[in-house]
Amino acid sequence: MGAFTNDGGEAINKPEEEIETSADTDKDETSGFPTDVPDLKADDFVQQGTEKYPVFKVDYNEFYQNMSHGRKRLRFKSGSTAQQYMAKTQYNRPFFVQFTDTDGKTYNRRIK
């Protein structure tokens, strides 16, 4: 049998890229992570490949209400950072919402 070699080529069965959440390295001390919208800060960001997407923390009702009753319209509380981001980007840019339950599990959901 032949020996295993590393010829420097690209791996055939490489794993898919994982979603990486940010560390506290890019965080602004006062209000959060900068977004592409001026004067609006995200709670966190998710990096997929070279793209960074903002993450906004929401409560249980906002996270799950869009999944029930066949509703296709996204609704967030008026004045929340997620609602402001959607309005100022004219509903065109993707972002994530995050919910943490009482057990400490964190759930992310991509919007758009």
N, C-alpha and C. Protein backbone atom coordinates (compact mmCIF):
# COMPACT_ATOMS: atom_id res chain seq x y z
N MET A 1 0.83 -1.17 0.00
CA MET A 1 0.00 0.00 0.00
C MET A 1 0.88 1.25 0.00
N GLY A 2 0.36 2.30 -0.57
CA GLY A 2 1.12 3.54 -0.65
C GLY A 2 1.04 4.34 0.63
N ALA A 3 1.97 5.20 0.82
CA ALA A 3 2.01 6.06 1.99
C ALA A 3 1.16 7.31 1.75
N PHE A 4 0.66 7.88 2.83
CA PHE A 4 -0.08 9.13 2.71
C PHE A 4 0.90 10.26 2.46
N THR A 5 0.57 11.08 1.48
CA THR A 5 1.44 12.21 1.18
C THR A 5 0.63 13.49 1.17
N ASN A 6 1.32 14.58 1.37
CA ASN A 6 0.71 15.89 1.30
C ASN A 6 1.39 16.63 0.16
N ASP A 7 0.74 16.61 -1.01
CA ASP A 7 1.36 17.21 -2.18
C ASP A 7 1.06 18.71 -2.29
N GLY A 8 0.39 19.28 -1.30
CA GLY A 8 0.12 20.70 -1.31
C GLY A 8 -1.13 21.09 -2.08
N GLY A 9 -1.85 20.12 -2.62
CA GLY A 9 -3.07 20.42 -3.37
C GLY A 9 -4.23 20.71 -2.45
N GLU A 10 -5.33 21.14 -3.04
CA GLU A 10 -6.52 21.46 -2.27
C GLU A 10 -7.20 20.18 -1.81
N ALA A 11 -7.73 20.17 -0.61
CA ALA A 11 -8.39 19.01 -0.06
C ALA A 11 -9.66 18.69 -0.84
N ILE A 12 -9.88 17.42 -1.07
CA ILE A 12 -11.05 16.99 -1.84
C ILE A 12 -12.31 17.08 -0.99
N ASN A 13 -12.25 16.56 0.20
CA ASN A 13 -13.41 16.53 1.09
C ASN A 13 -13.23 17.53 2.22
N LYS A 14 -13.13 18.78 1.89
CA LYS A 14 -12.94 19.78 2.94
C LYS A 14 -14.29 20.14 3.54
N PRO A 15 -14.32 20.45 4.85
CA PRO A 15 -15.59 20.80 5.48
C PRO A 15 -16.08 22.16 5.02
N GLU A 16 -17.40 22.36 5.12
CA GLU A 16 -17.98 23.64 4.76
C GLU A 16 -17.54 24.70 5.75
N GLU A 17 -17.59 25.95 5.31
CA GLU A 17 -17.20 27.05 6.19
C GLU A 17 -18.18 27.16 7.35
N GLU A 18 -17.61 27.36 8.53
CA GLU A 18 -18.45 27.50 9.71
C GLU A 18 -18.77 28.97 9.94
N ILE A 19 -19.88 29.18 10.61
CA ILE A 19 -20.26 30.54 10.99
C ILE A 19 -19.45 30.90 12.22
N GLU A 20 -18.74 32.00 12.15
CA GLU A 20 -17.95 32.45 13.28
C GLU A 20 -18.59 33.70 13.86
N THR A 21 -18.82 33.68 15.16
CA THR A 21 -19.27 34.90 15.79
C THR A 21 -18.06 35.66 16.28
N SER A 22 -18.25 36.91 16.47
CA SER A 22 -17.12 37.78 16.76
C SER A 22 -16.61 37.61 18.18
N ALA A 23 -15.36 37.96 18.34
CA ALA A 23 -14.80 38.12 19.67
C ALA A 23 -14.92 39.59 20.02
N ASP A 24 -14.50 39.96 21.17
CA ASP A 24 -14.64 41.35 21.59
C ASP A 24 -13.55 42.25 21.04
N THR A 25 -12.93 41.88 19.93
CA THR A 25 -11.82 42.66 19.40
C THR A 25 -12.28 43.91 18.67
N ASP A 26 -13.35 43.86 17.89
CA ASP A 26 -13.80 45.01 17.11
C ASP A 26 -14.87 45.82 17.82
N LYS A 27 -15.19 45.47 19.03
CA LYS A 27 -16.32 46.10 19.71
C LYS A 27 -15.96 47.49 20.21
N ASP A 28 -16.88 48.41 19.96
CA ASP A 28 -16.75 49.75 20.51
C ASP A 28 -17.16 49.67 21.98
N GLU A 29 -16.44 50.29 22.84
CA GLU A 29 -16.64 50.16 24.28
C GLU A 29 -18.02 50.65 24.73
N THR A 30 -18.59 51.64 24.06
CA THR A 30 -19.81 52.25 24.58
C THR A 30 -21.09 51.61 24.06
N SER A 31 -21.15 51.25 22.79
CA SER A 31 -22.47 50.89 22.29
C SER A 31 -22.54 49.67 21.40
N GLY A 32 -21.47 49.06 20.97
CA GLY A 32 -21.56 47.86 20.17
C GLY A 32 -20.67 47.89 18.96
N PHE A 33 -21.01 47.06 17.99
CA PHE A 33 -20.22 46.92 16.78
C PHE A 33 -20.74 47.85 15.69
N PRO A 34 -19.86 48.47 14.93
CA PRO A 34 -20.32 49.39 13.87
C PRO A 34 -20.98 48.61 12.73
N THR A 35 -21.98 49.21 12.13
CA THR A 35 -22.65 48.61 10.98
C THR A 35 -22.43 49.52 9.78
N ASP A 36 -22.99 49.12 8.64
CA ASP A 36 -22.87 49.93 7.44
C ASP A 36 -23.85 51.12 7.44
N VAL A 37 -24.67 51.21 8.46
CA VAL A 37 -25.59 52.33 8.62
C VAL A 37 -24.98 53.30 9.64
N PRO A 38 -24.82 54.57 9.28
CA PRO A 38 -24.25 55.52 10.23
C PRO A 38 -25.10 55.65 11.49
N ASP A 39 -24.45 55.83 12.62
CA ASP A 39 -25.11 56.04 13.92
C ASP A 39 -25.97 54.87 14.37
N LEU A 40 -25.67 53.66 13.91
CA LEU A 40 -26.41 52.48 14.35
C LEU A 40 -25.40 51.38 14.65
N LYS A 41 -25.46 50.85 15.87
CA LYS A 41 -24.51 49.83 16.31
C LYS A 41 -25.24 48.51 16.50
N ALA A 42 -24.57 47.41 16.13
CA ALA A 42 -25.12 46.07 16.31
C ALA A 42 -24.63 45.50 17.64
N ASP A 43 -25.34 44.51 18.15
CA ASP A 43 -24.94 43.86 19.39
C ASP A 43 -23.75 42.92 19.18
N ASP A 44 -23.64 42.37 17.99
CA ASP A 44 -22.60 41.40 17.66
C ASP A 44 -22.50 41.34 16.15
N PHE A 45 -21.60 40.51 15.62
CA PHE A 45 -21.59 40.27 14.18
C PHE A 45 -21.24 38.83 13.90
N VAL A 46 -21.67 38.34 12.75
CA VAL A 46 -21.40 36.98 12.30
C VAL A 46 -20.57 37.09 11.04
N GLN A 47 -19.52 36.28 10.97
CA GLN A 47 -18.67 36.30 9.78
C GLN A 47 -18.83 34.98 9.04
N GLN A 48 -19.22 35.08 7.77
CA GLN A 48 -19.32 33.93 6.89
C GLN A 48 -18.39 34.18 5.72
N GLY A 49 -17.27 33.50 5.70
CA GLY A 49 -16.27 33.75 4.67
C GLY A 49 -15.65 35.12 4.88
N THR A 50 -15.77 35.98 3.88
CA THR A 50 -15.22 37.33 4.01
C THR A 50 -16.27 38.35 4.39
N GLU A 51 -17.53 37.97 4.40
CA GLU A 51 -18.62 38.90 4.71
C GLU A 51 -18.91 38.92 6.21
N LYS A 52 -19.18 40.12 6.73
CA LYS A 52 -19.59 40.28 8.12
C LYS A 52 -21.02 40.81 8.14
N TYR A 53 -21.88 40.16 8.92
CA TYR A 53 -23.27 40.55 9.03
C TYR A 53 -23.57 40.99 10.46
N PRO A 54 -24.33 42.06 10.65
CA PRO A 54 -24.66 42.49 12.00
C PRO A 54 -25.66 41.54 12.66
N VAL A 55 -25.59 41.45 13.97
CA VAL A 55 -26.50 40.62 14.77
C VAL A 55 -27.17 41.53 15.78
N PHE A 56 -28.50 41.44 15.85
CA PHE A 56 -29.27 42.24 16.79
C PHE A 56 -29.99 41.29 17.74
N LYS A 57 -29.91 41.58 19.03
CA LYS A 57 -30.58 40.74 20.03
C LYS A 57 -32.04 41.13 20.11
N VAL A 58 -32.91 40.11 20.09
CA VAL A 58 -34.35 40.32 20.19
C VAL A 58 -34.91 39.40 21.26
N ASP A 59 -36.16 39.62 21.64
CA ASP A 59 -36.77 38.76 22.65
C ASP A 59 -37.48 37.57 21.98
N TYR A 60 -38.07 36.73 22.80
CA TYR A 60 -38.71 35.49 22.34
C TYR A 60 -39.80 35.77 21.31
N ASN A 61 -40.66 36.73 21.59
CA ASN A 61 -41.79 37.00 20.69
C ASN A 61 -41.32 37.49 19.33
N GLU A 62 -40.33 38.37 19.29
CA GLU A 62 -39.84 38.88 18.01
C GLU A 62 -39.11 37.80 17.23
N PHE A 63 -38.43 36.90 17.92
CA PHE A 63 -37.68 35.85 17.24
C PHE A 63 -38.61 34.83 16.59
N TYR A 64 -39.67 34.44 17.30
CA TYR A 64 -40.53 33.36 16.82
C TYR A 64 -41.82 33.81 16.15
N GLN A 65 -42.25 35.05 16.31
CA GLN A 65 -43.55 35.46 15.77
C GLN A 65 -43.59 35.45 14.25
N ASN A 66 -42.45 35.60 13.61
CA ASN A 66 -42.43 35.61 12.16
C ASN A 66 -42.52 34.20 11.58
N MET A 67 -42.40 33.18 12.42
CA MET A 67 -42.46 31.80 11.95
C MET A 67 -43.86 31.22 12.08
N SER A 68 -44.76 31.92 12.74
CA SER A 68 -46.07 31.35 13.00
C SER A 68 -47.14 31.95 12.10
N HIS A 69 -48.18 31.23 11.92
CA HIS A 69 -49.37 31.67 11.19
C HIS A 69 -49.09 31.97 9.72
N GLY A 70 -48.05 31.42 9.14
CA GLY A 70 -47.78 31.65 7.73
C GLY A 70 -47.45 33.08 7.39
N ARG A 71 -47.01 33.84 8.37
CA ARG A 71 -46.73 35.26 8.16
C ARG A 71 -45.43 35.42 7.38
N LYS A 72 -45.45 36.23 6.35
CA LYS A 72 -44.26 36.48 5.55
C LYS A 72 -43.63 37.83 5.85
N ARG A 73 -44.32 38.69 6.52
CA ARG A 73 -43.79 40.01 6.83
C ARG A 73 -43.02 39.96 8.15
N LEU A 74 -41.87 40.59 8.15
CA LEU A 74 -41.06 40.66 9.36
C LEU A 74 -41.49 41.86 10.18
N ARG A 75 -41.72 41.65 11.46
CA ARG A 75 -42.14 42.73 12.33
C ARG A 75 -41.26 42.74 13.58
N PHE A 76 -40.70 43.92 13.84
CA PHE A 76 -39.92 44.12 15.04
C PHE A 76 -40.49 45.33 15.77
N LYS A 77 -40.19 45.43 17.06
CA LYS A 77 -40.71 46.55 17.85
C LYS A 77 -40.23 47.87 17.26
N SER A 78 -41.11 48.84 17.26
CA SER A 78 -40.78 50.15 16.73
C SER A 78 -39.67 50.79 17.55
N GLY A 79 -38.64 51.25 16.86
CA GLY A 79 -37.51 51.88 17.54
C GLY A 79 -36.40 50.94 17.92
N SER A 80 -36.61 49.62 17.76
CA SER A 80 -35.53 48.68 18.09
C SER A 80 -34.44 48.78 17.03
N THR A 81 -33.25 48.30 17.37
CA THR A 81 -32.13 48.40 16.44
C THR A 81 -32.36 47.56 15.19
N ALA A 82 -33.01 46.41 15.32
CA ALA A 82 -33.30 45.58 14.15
C ALA A 82 -34.27 46.30 13.21
N GLN A 83 -35.28 46.95 13.77
CA GLN A 83 -36.25 47.68 12.95
C GLN A 83 -35.60 48.88 12.28
N GLN A 84 -34.74 49.59 12.99
CA GLN A 84 -34.05 50.73 12.40
C GLN A 84 -33.11 50.30 11.29
N TYR A 85 -32.42 49.16 11.47
CA TYR A 85 -31.51 48.67 10.43
C TYR A 85 -32.28 48.30 9.17
N MET A 86 -33.41 47.63 9.35
CA MET A 86 -34.23 47.26 8.18
C MET A 86 -34.72 48.51 7.45
N ALA A 87 -35.17 49.50 8.17
CA ALA A 87 -35.71 50.70 7.54
C ALA A 87 -34.63 51.51 6.83
N LYS A 88 -33.48 51.65 7.46
CA LYS A 88 -32.43 52.48 6.88
C LYS A 88 -31.69 51.81 5.73
N THR A 89 -31.75 50.48 5.65
CA THR A 89 -31.16 49.78 4.50
C THR A 89 -32.21 49.48 3.45
N GLN A 90 -33.40 49.98 3.65
CA GLN A 90 -34.53 49.80 2.73
C GLN A 90 -34.84 48.32 2.49
N TYR A 91 -34.70 47.51 3.56
CA TYR A 91 -35.09 46.10 3.56
C TYR A 91 -34.31 45.26 2.55
N ASN A 92 -33.09 45.68 2.20
CA ASN A 92 -32.33 44.97 1.17
C ASN A 92 -31.13 44.20 1.68
N ARG A 93 -30.61 44.50 2.84
CA ARG A 93 -29.38 43.88 3.30
C ARG A 93 -29.65 42.79 4.32
N PRO A 94 -28.94 41.68 4.22
CA PRO A 94 -29.14 40.59 5.19
C PRO A 94 -28.52 40.94 6.54
N PHE A 95 -29.12 40.38 7.59
CA PHE A 95 -28.60 40.51 8.95
C PHE A 95 -29.12 39.33 9.77
N PHE A 96 -28.66 39.22 10.99
CA PHE A 96 -29.07 38.14 11.87
C PHE A 96 -29.77 38.70 13.10
N VAL A 97 -30.71 37.92 13.63
CA VAL A 97 -31.30 38.22 14.94
C VAL A 97 -30.91 37.08 15.86
N GLN A 98 -30.77 37.41 17.14
CA GLN A 98 -30.29 36.45 18.12
C GLN A 98 -31.22 36.43 19.32
N PHE A 99 -31.49 35.21 19.82
CA PHE A 99 -32.33 35.03 20.99
C PHE A 99 -31.63 34.06 21.93
N THR A 100 -31.58 34.39 23.21
CA THR A 100 -31.00 33.51 24.22
C THR A 100 -32.12 33.08 25.16
N ASP A 101 -32.33 31.76 25.29
CA ASP A 101 -33.41 31.27 26.14
C ASP A 101 -32.96 31.21 27.59
N THR A 102 -33.85 30.73 28.45
CA THR A 102 -33.56 30.70 29.88
C THR A 102 -32.48 29.69 30.25
N ASP A 103 -32.24 28.69 29.40
CA ASP A 103 -31.20 27.70 29.66
C ASP A 103 -29.82 28.19 29.22
N GLY A 104 -29.77 29.34 28.56
CA GLY A 104 -28.49 29.88 28.11
C GLY A 104 -28.14 29.52 26.69
N LYS A 105 -29.01 28.80 25.99
CA LYS A 105 -28.75 28.46 24.59
C LYS A 105 -29.04 29.67 23.73
N THR A 106 -28.17 29.91 22.76
CA THR A 106 -28.31 31.06 21.89
C THR A 106 -28.69 30.58 20.50
N TYR A 107 -29.71 31.21 19.91
CA TYR A 107 -30.19 30.87 18.59
C TYR A 107 -30.02 32.06 17.67
N ASN A 108 -29.45 31.82 16.49
CA ASN A 108 -29.30 32.86 15.47
C ASN A 108 -30.22 32.54 14.31
N ARG A 109 -30.75 33.57 13.69
CA ARG A 109 -31.62 33.40 12.53
C ARG A 109 -31.25 34.47 11.51
N ARG A 110 -31.00 34.04 10.29
CA ARG A 110 -30.66 34.99 9.24
C ARG A 110 -31.93 35.59 8.65
N ILE A 111 -31.91 36.90 8.49
CA ILE A 111 -33.02 37.62 7.88
C ILE A 111 -32.57 38.07 6.52
N LYS A 112 -33.27 37.71 5.51
CA LYS A 112 -33.02 37.99 4.08
C LYS A 112 -32.10 36.98 3.50
